[in-house]
Protein backbone atom coordinates (compact mmCIF):
# COMPACT_ATOMS: atom_id res chain seq x y z
CA MET A 1 0.02 0.02 0.05
CA THR A 2 1.41 3.47 -0.92
CA LYS A 3 1.62 6.34 1.32
CA HIS A 4 -1.08 8.11 -0.73
CA GLN A 5 -3.51 5.28 -0.36
CA LYS A 6 -3.13 5.41 3.42
CA ASN A 7 -4.71 8.92 3.54
CA ILE A 8 -8.36 9.70 3.06
CA ASP A 9 -9.16 11.64 -0.06
CA LEU A 10 -11.72 14.32 0.87
CA LYS A 11 -12.75 15.15 -2.75
CA ASN A 12 -16.45 14.31 -3.30
CA LYS A 13 -16.78 13.08 0.27
CA ARG A 14 -20.13 13.82 2.01
CA VAL A 15 -19.14 16.00 4.91
CA LEU A 16 -20.99 17.27 7.80
CA VAL A 17 -19.79 20.37 9.80
CA THR A 18 -21.59 21.06 13.01
CA GLY A 19 -21.22 24.48 14.32
CA ALA A 20 -20.79 25.76 10.75
CA ASP A 21 -22.27 29.12 11.50
CA GLY A 22 -19.45 29.94 14.04
CA PHE A 23 -15.99 31.63 13.71
CA ILE A 24 -13.86 28.50 12.89
CA GLY A 25 -16.72 26.41 11.45
CA SER A 26 -17.35 28.93 8.63
CA HIS A 27 -13.78 29.00 7.59
CA LEU A 28 -13.66 25.24 7.66
CA VAL A 29 -16.83 25.18 5.38
CA GLU A 30 -15.07 27.42 2.92
CA LYS A 31 -11.99 25.19 2.74
CA LEU A 32 -13.91 22.14 2.53
CA VAL A 33 -15.72 23.51 -0.58
CA GLN A 34 -12.31 24.34 -2.12
CA GLU A 35 -11.25 20.67 -1.48
CA GLY A 36 -14.27 19.44 -3.56
CA CYS A 37 -16.27 18.10 -0.69
CA ASN A 38 -20.17 17.95 -0.66
CA VAL A 39 -20.70 19.94 2.52
CA ARG A 40 -23.72 19.80 4.79
CA ALA A 41 -23.35 22.87 7.10
CA MET A 42 -25.40 22.46 10.39
CA ALA A 43 -26.42 25.71 11.91
CA MET A 44 -28.18 26.38 15.07
CA TYR A 45 -31.74 26.87 14.27
CA ASN A 46 -33.60 30.21 15.15
CA SER A 47 -36.71 31.95 14.30
CA PHE A 48 -35.01 34.64 12.20
CA ASN A 49 -33.55 32.07 9.77
CA ASN A 50 -30.20 33.61 10.48
CA TRP A 51 -27.16 31.33 9.50
CA GLY A 52 -24.61 33.12 11.58
CA TRP A 53 -21.26 33.67 9.86
CA LEU A 54 -22.48 31.51 6.90
CA ASP A 55 -24.62 34.50 5.81
CA TYR A 56 -21.33 36.38 5.04
CA LEU A 57 -19.75 33.68 2.74
CA ASP A 58 -19.33 34.34 -0.89
CA ASP A 59 -22.27 33.28 -2.93
CA LYS A 60 -20.11 30.81 -4.87
CA VAL A 61 -19.43 28.98 -1.58
CA LEU A 62 -23.07 29.12 -0.39
CA LYS A 63 -24.31 27.64 -3.57
CA ASN A 64 -22.20 24.50 -3.13
CA ILE A 65 -23.23 23.77 0.52
CA GLU A 66 -26.43 22.34 2.01
CA VAL A 67 -27.32 24.52 5.16
CA TYR A 68 -29.13 22.20 7.71
CA PRO A 69 -30.74 24.16 10.53
CA GLY A 70 -30.71 21.90 13.67
CA ASP A 71 -30.05 21.69 17.37
CA MET A 72 -27.30 19.49 18.87
CA ARG A 73 -29.43 19.02 22.01
CA ASP A 74 -32.15 17.14 19.98
CA LEU A 75 -31.23 13.65 19.04
CA LYS A 76 -33.65 13.31 16.06
CA SER A 77 -32.22 16.58 14.66
CA VAL A 78 -28.66 15.23 14.81
CA LYS A 79 -29.54 11.84 13.37
CA ASN A 80 -30.95 13.57 10.29
CA ALA A 81 -28.07 15.73 10.00
CA CYS A 82 -25.70 12.49 9.99
CA LYS A 83 -27.68 10.64 7.34
CA ASN A 84 -25.59 9.54 4.26
CA ILE A 85 -22.51 11.34 5.66
CA ASP A 86 -18.90 10.19 5.28
CA ILE A 87 -16.86 12.52 7.45
CA VAL A 88 -17.95 14.58 10.34
CA PHE A 89 -16.38 17.81 11.76
CA HIS A 90 -17.91 18.43 15.14
CA LEU A 91 -17.36 22.03 16.28
CA ALA A 92 -20.85 23.01 17.69
CA SER A 93 -20.37 24.17 21.23
CA LEU A 94 -21.23 26.92 23.69
CA ILE A 95 -17.86 28.67 24.10
CA ALA A 96 -18.08 31.86 26.14
CA ILE A 97 -16.34 30.95 29.54
CA PRO A 98 -17.82 33.75 31.62
CA GLN A 99 -21.29 32.90 30.53
CA SER A 100 -20.95 29.29 31.55
CA TYR A 101 -20.86 30.35 35.21
CA TYR A 102 -24.44 31.60 34.72
CA THR A 103 -26.02 29.00 32.46
CA PRO A 104 -24.05 25.74 33.30
CA TYR A 105 -26.97 23.54 32.35
CA ALA A 106 -27.18 25.09 28.79
CA TYR A 107 -23.33 24.27 28.40
CA LEU A 108 -23.85 20.75 29.66
CA GLU A 109 -26.71 20.01 27.24
CA THR A 110 -25.10 21.60 24.08
CA ASN A 111 -21.38 20.55 24.76
CA ALA A 112 -21.71 17.18 26.39
CA THR A 113 -25.31 15.77 25.52
CA GLY A 114 -24.79 17.30 22.13
CA ALA A 115 -21.65 15.35 21.58
CA LEU A 116 -23.25 12.15 22.90
CA ASN A 117 -26.02 12.71 20.38
CA LEU A 118 -23.57 13.00 17.61
CA LEU A 119 -21.74 9.97 18.57
CA GLU A 120 -24.74 7.93 18.82
CA SER A 121 -25.90 9.25 15.45
CA CYS A 122 -22.51 8.32 13.90
CA LEU A 123 -22.75 4.70 15.11
CA ASP A 124 -25.96 4.30 13.13
CA SER A 125 -24.51 6.17 10.05
CA ARG A 126 -21.26 4.32 9.91
CA VAL A 127 -19.18 7.29 9.16
CA GLU A 128 -15.51 7.05 8.06
CA LYS A 129 -14.00 9.58 10.36
CA ILE A 130 -15.11 12.02 13.11
CA ILE A 131 -13.16 14.95 14.11
CA HIS A 132 -14.18 16.07 17.60
CA THR A 133 -13.29 19.52 18.55
CA SER A 134 -11.97 20.04 22.07
CA THR A 135 -10.28 23.08 23.55
CA SER A 136 -6.94 24.14 25.30
CA GLU A 137 -9.06 25.14 28.13
CA VAL A 138 -9.19 21.58 29.43
CA TYR A 139 -5.63 21.83 30.57
CA GLY A 140 -6.57 24.48 33.22
CA GLU A 141 -3.51 26.02 34.93
CA TYR A 142 -0.16 24.53 34.09
CA ASP A 143 3.35 24.93 35.46
CA PHE A 144 5.38 24.43 32.18
CA VAL A 145 5.27 24.57 28.38
CA PRO A 146 4.87 23.21 25.94
CA ILE A 147 1.69 21.62 27.01
CA SER A 148 1.54 17.93 26.04
CA GLU A 149 -1.53 15.98 25.13
CA SER A 150 -0.78 13.84 28.09
CA ASN A 151 -1.19 16.81 30.46
CA LYS A 152 -3.79 16.36 33.22
CA ASN A 153 -7.16 17.78 32.52
CA ILE A 154 -8.41 20.27 35.17
CA ALA A 155 -11.72 22.10 34.74
CA ARG A 156 -11.48 25.73 35.98
CA SER A 157 -15.02 26.61 34.57
CA PRO A 158 -18.24 24.91 33.85
CA TYR A 159 -17.29 25.41 30.20
CA ALA A 160 -14.11 23.44 30.59
CA ALA A 161 -15.82 20.68 32.58
CA THR A 162 -18.41 20.09 29.79
CA LYS A 163 -15.74 19.99 27.07
CA ILE A 164 -13.75 17.46 29.17
CA ALA A 165 -16.98 15.35 29.43
CA ALA A 166 -17.40 15.59 25.67
CA ASP A 167 -13.89 14.42 25.10
CA GLN A 168 -14.31 11.49 27.37
CA LEU A 169 -17.42 10.44 25.67
CA ALA A 170 -15.73 10.68 22.23
CA TYR A 171 -12.90 8.57 23.37
CA SER A 172 -15.19 6.04 25.14
CA TYR A 173 -16.92 5.54 21.75
CA TYR A 174 -13.67 4.89 20.06
CA SER A 175 -12.45 2.48 22.69
CA THR A 176 -15.86 0.70 23.09
CA PHE A 177 -17.38 0.74 19.71
CA ASP A 178 -14.37 1.28 17.62
CA LEU A 179 -15.91 4.57 16.32
CA PRO A 180 -13.33 6.42 14.16
CA VAL A 181 -12.83 9.47 16.32
CA SER A 182 -9.93 11.90 16.58
CA ILE A 183 -9.93 14.59 19.29
CA ILE A 184 -8.14 17.90 18.38
CA ARG A 185 -7.58 20.75 20.73
CA PRO A 186 -6.92 24.19 19.01
CA PHE A 187 -4.92 26.83 20.81
CA ASN A 188 -6.09 30.58 20.76
CA THR A 189 -7.33 30.78 17.23
CA PHE A 190 -7.60 34.30 15.84
CA GLY A 191 -8.60 35.80 12.47
CA PRO A 192 -11.53 37.30 10.46
CA ARG A 193 -15.07 36.74 12.15
CA GLN A 194 -13.67 36.20 15.64
CA SER A 195 -15.74 37.61 18.48
CA ASN A 196 -14.79 41.01 19.54
CA ARG A 197 -14.50 39.96 23.10
CA ALA A 198 -11.25 38.03 22.22
CA ILE A 199 -7.93 39.71 22.97
CA ILE A 200 -6.68 40.39 19.41
CA PRO A 201 -9.86 42.02 18.29
CA THR A 202 -10.13 43.94 21.55
CA ILE A 203 -6.56 45.47 20.99
CA ILE A 204 -7.40 46.28 17.43
CA THR A 205 -10.62 47.97 18.39
CA GLN A 206 -8.75 50.09 20.88
CA ILE A 207 -6.21 50.91 18.34
CA LEU A 208 -8.82 52.21 16.01
CA ASN A 209 -10.87 53.99 18.55
CA ASP A 210 -9.05 54.91 21.69
CA LYS A 211 -6.17 57.14 22.64
CA PHE A 212 -4.83 54.54 24.97
CA ILE A 213 -4.52 50.74 24.73
CA ASN A 214 -5.35 48.74 27.84
CA LEU A 215 -3.72 45.29 27.68
CA GLY A 216 -4.50 44.20 31.19
CA SER A 217 -2.13 41.72 32.78
CA LEU A 218 1.22 41.50 30.88
CA TYR A 219 2.39 38.19 32.53
CA PRO A 220 0.19 35.53 30.60
CA THR A 221 1.50 34.07 27.42
CA ARG A 222 -0.48 32.57 24.62
CA ASP A 223 0.03 30.30 21.66
CA PHE A 224 -1.80 32.15 18.83
CA THR A 225 -2.96 30.27 15.67
CA ASN A 226 -4.29 31.91 12.54
CA VAL A 227 -7.62 30.35 11.68
CA SER A 228 -6.32 29.31 8.34
CA ASP A 229 -3.68 27.28 10.00
CA THR A 230 -6.20 25.78 12.51
CA VAL A 231 -8.39 24.75 9.55
CA SER A 232 -5.39 23.15 7.83
CA GLY A 233 -4.95 21.23 11.03
CA PHE A 234 -8.62 19.88 10.85
CA ILE A 235 -8.15 18.90 7.22
CA SER A 236 -4.79 17.13 7.75
CA ILE A 237 -6.07 15.15 10.72
CA ALA A 238 -9.30 14.08 8.83
CA GLN A 239 -7.13 12.89 5.93
CA ASN A 240 -4.94 10.78 8.10
CA LYS A 241 -6.13 7.37 8.89
CA LYS A 242 -3.65 6.78 11.57
CA ARG A 243 -4.80 9.60 13.82
CA VAL A 244 -7.85 7.71 15.04
CA GLY A 245 -8.28 7.39 18.84
CA GLU A 246 -5.80 10.16 19.43
CA ILE A 247 -5.78 13.60 21.08
CA LEU A 248 -3.95 16.15 19.15
CA ASN A 249 -3.01 19.76 19.99
CA ILE A 250 -3.16 22.34 17.18
CA GLY A 251 -0.85 25.35 17.82
CA SER A 252 2.26 27.06 16.62
CA GLY A 253 4.50 26.06 19.64
CA TYR A 254 5.53 29.69 19.99
CA GLU A 255 4.51 31.75 23.01
CA LEU A 256 3.52 35.38 22.65
């Protein structure tokens, strides 16, 4: 078997992206269309028929995707989204850490139960590969860098706790049912369409509007990753058959 044959060719694959209406999800949808995939983009249903960041994609991209308004908390909705799908990129999640202190049940239902609904649905659909999106927040506080995938998981917020639960569910379905799951943990992704509450958009906004720039604490360091590189990580891991049942960090390895 050649090296090329060991990889999954994504061209013409039927691909589901959950959380496609979000920051990273919308960029991933664009890239998958460029790769020649048949993309089903799952967006959170709302009464305004708003598709989040998908509304801002080029018409050439939009005409090549199937937008599926659904809800990760509803098993029937997720099962329908997974029908006739080859590859799943699971990004749907509630992500605002401060809000998780006030609405922890919503985070539990979306992040953990939502992941369980997806895993159950994929068992029935017999998908080729599932990319489950975790977060660097699961590592909590740490004493040294670089952070390894083997670092202990410590939840310092309800958000992190629900993501750890989702990761464990994903791994359990790999180890118990041989479901082809890879778990990826992006580090501090930035770029177009990112929420203005993030550090880089906050600084840019201050540069444009204020006389002074308030950086806050100067001691923390972060590994910032451009969204295009994060998306490339998603694609590479999806293509690689060997990366099943593994947890993989996505970052630059450079502190700023």
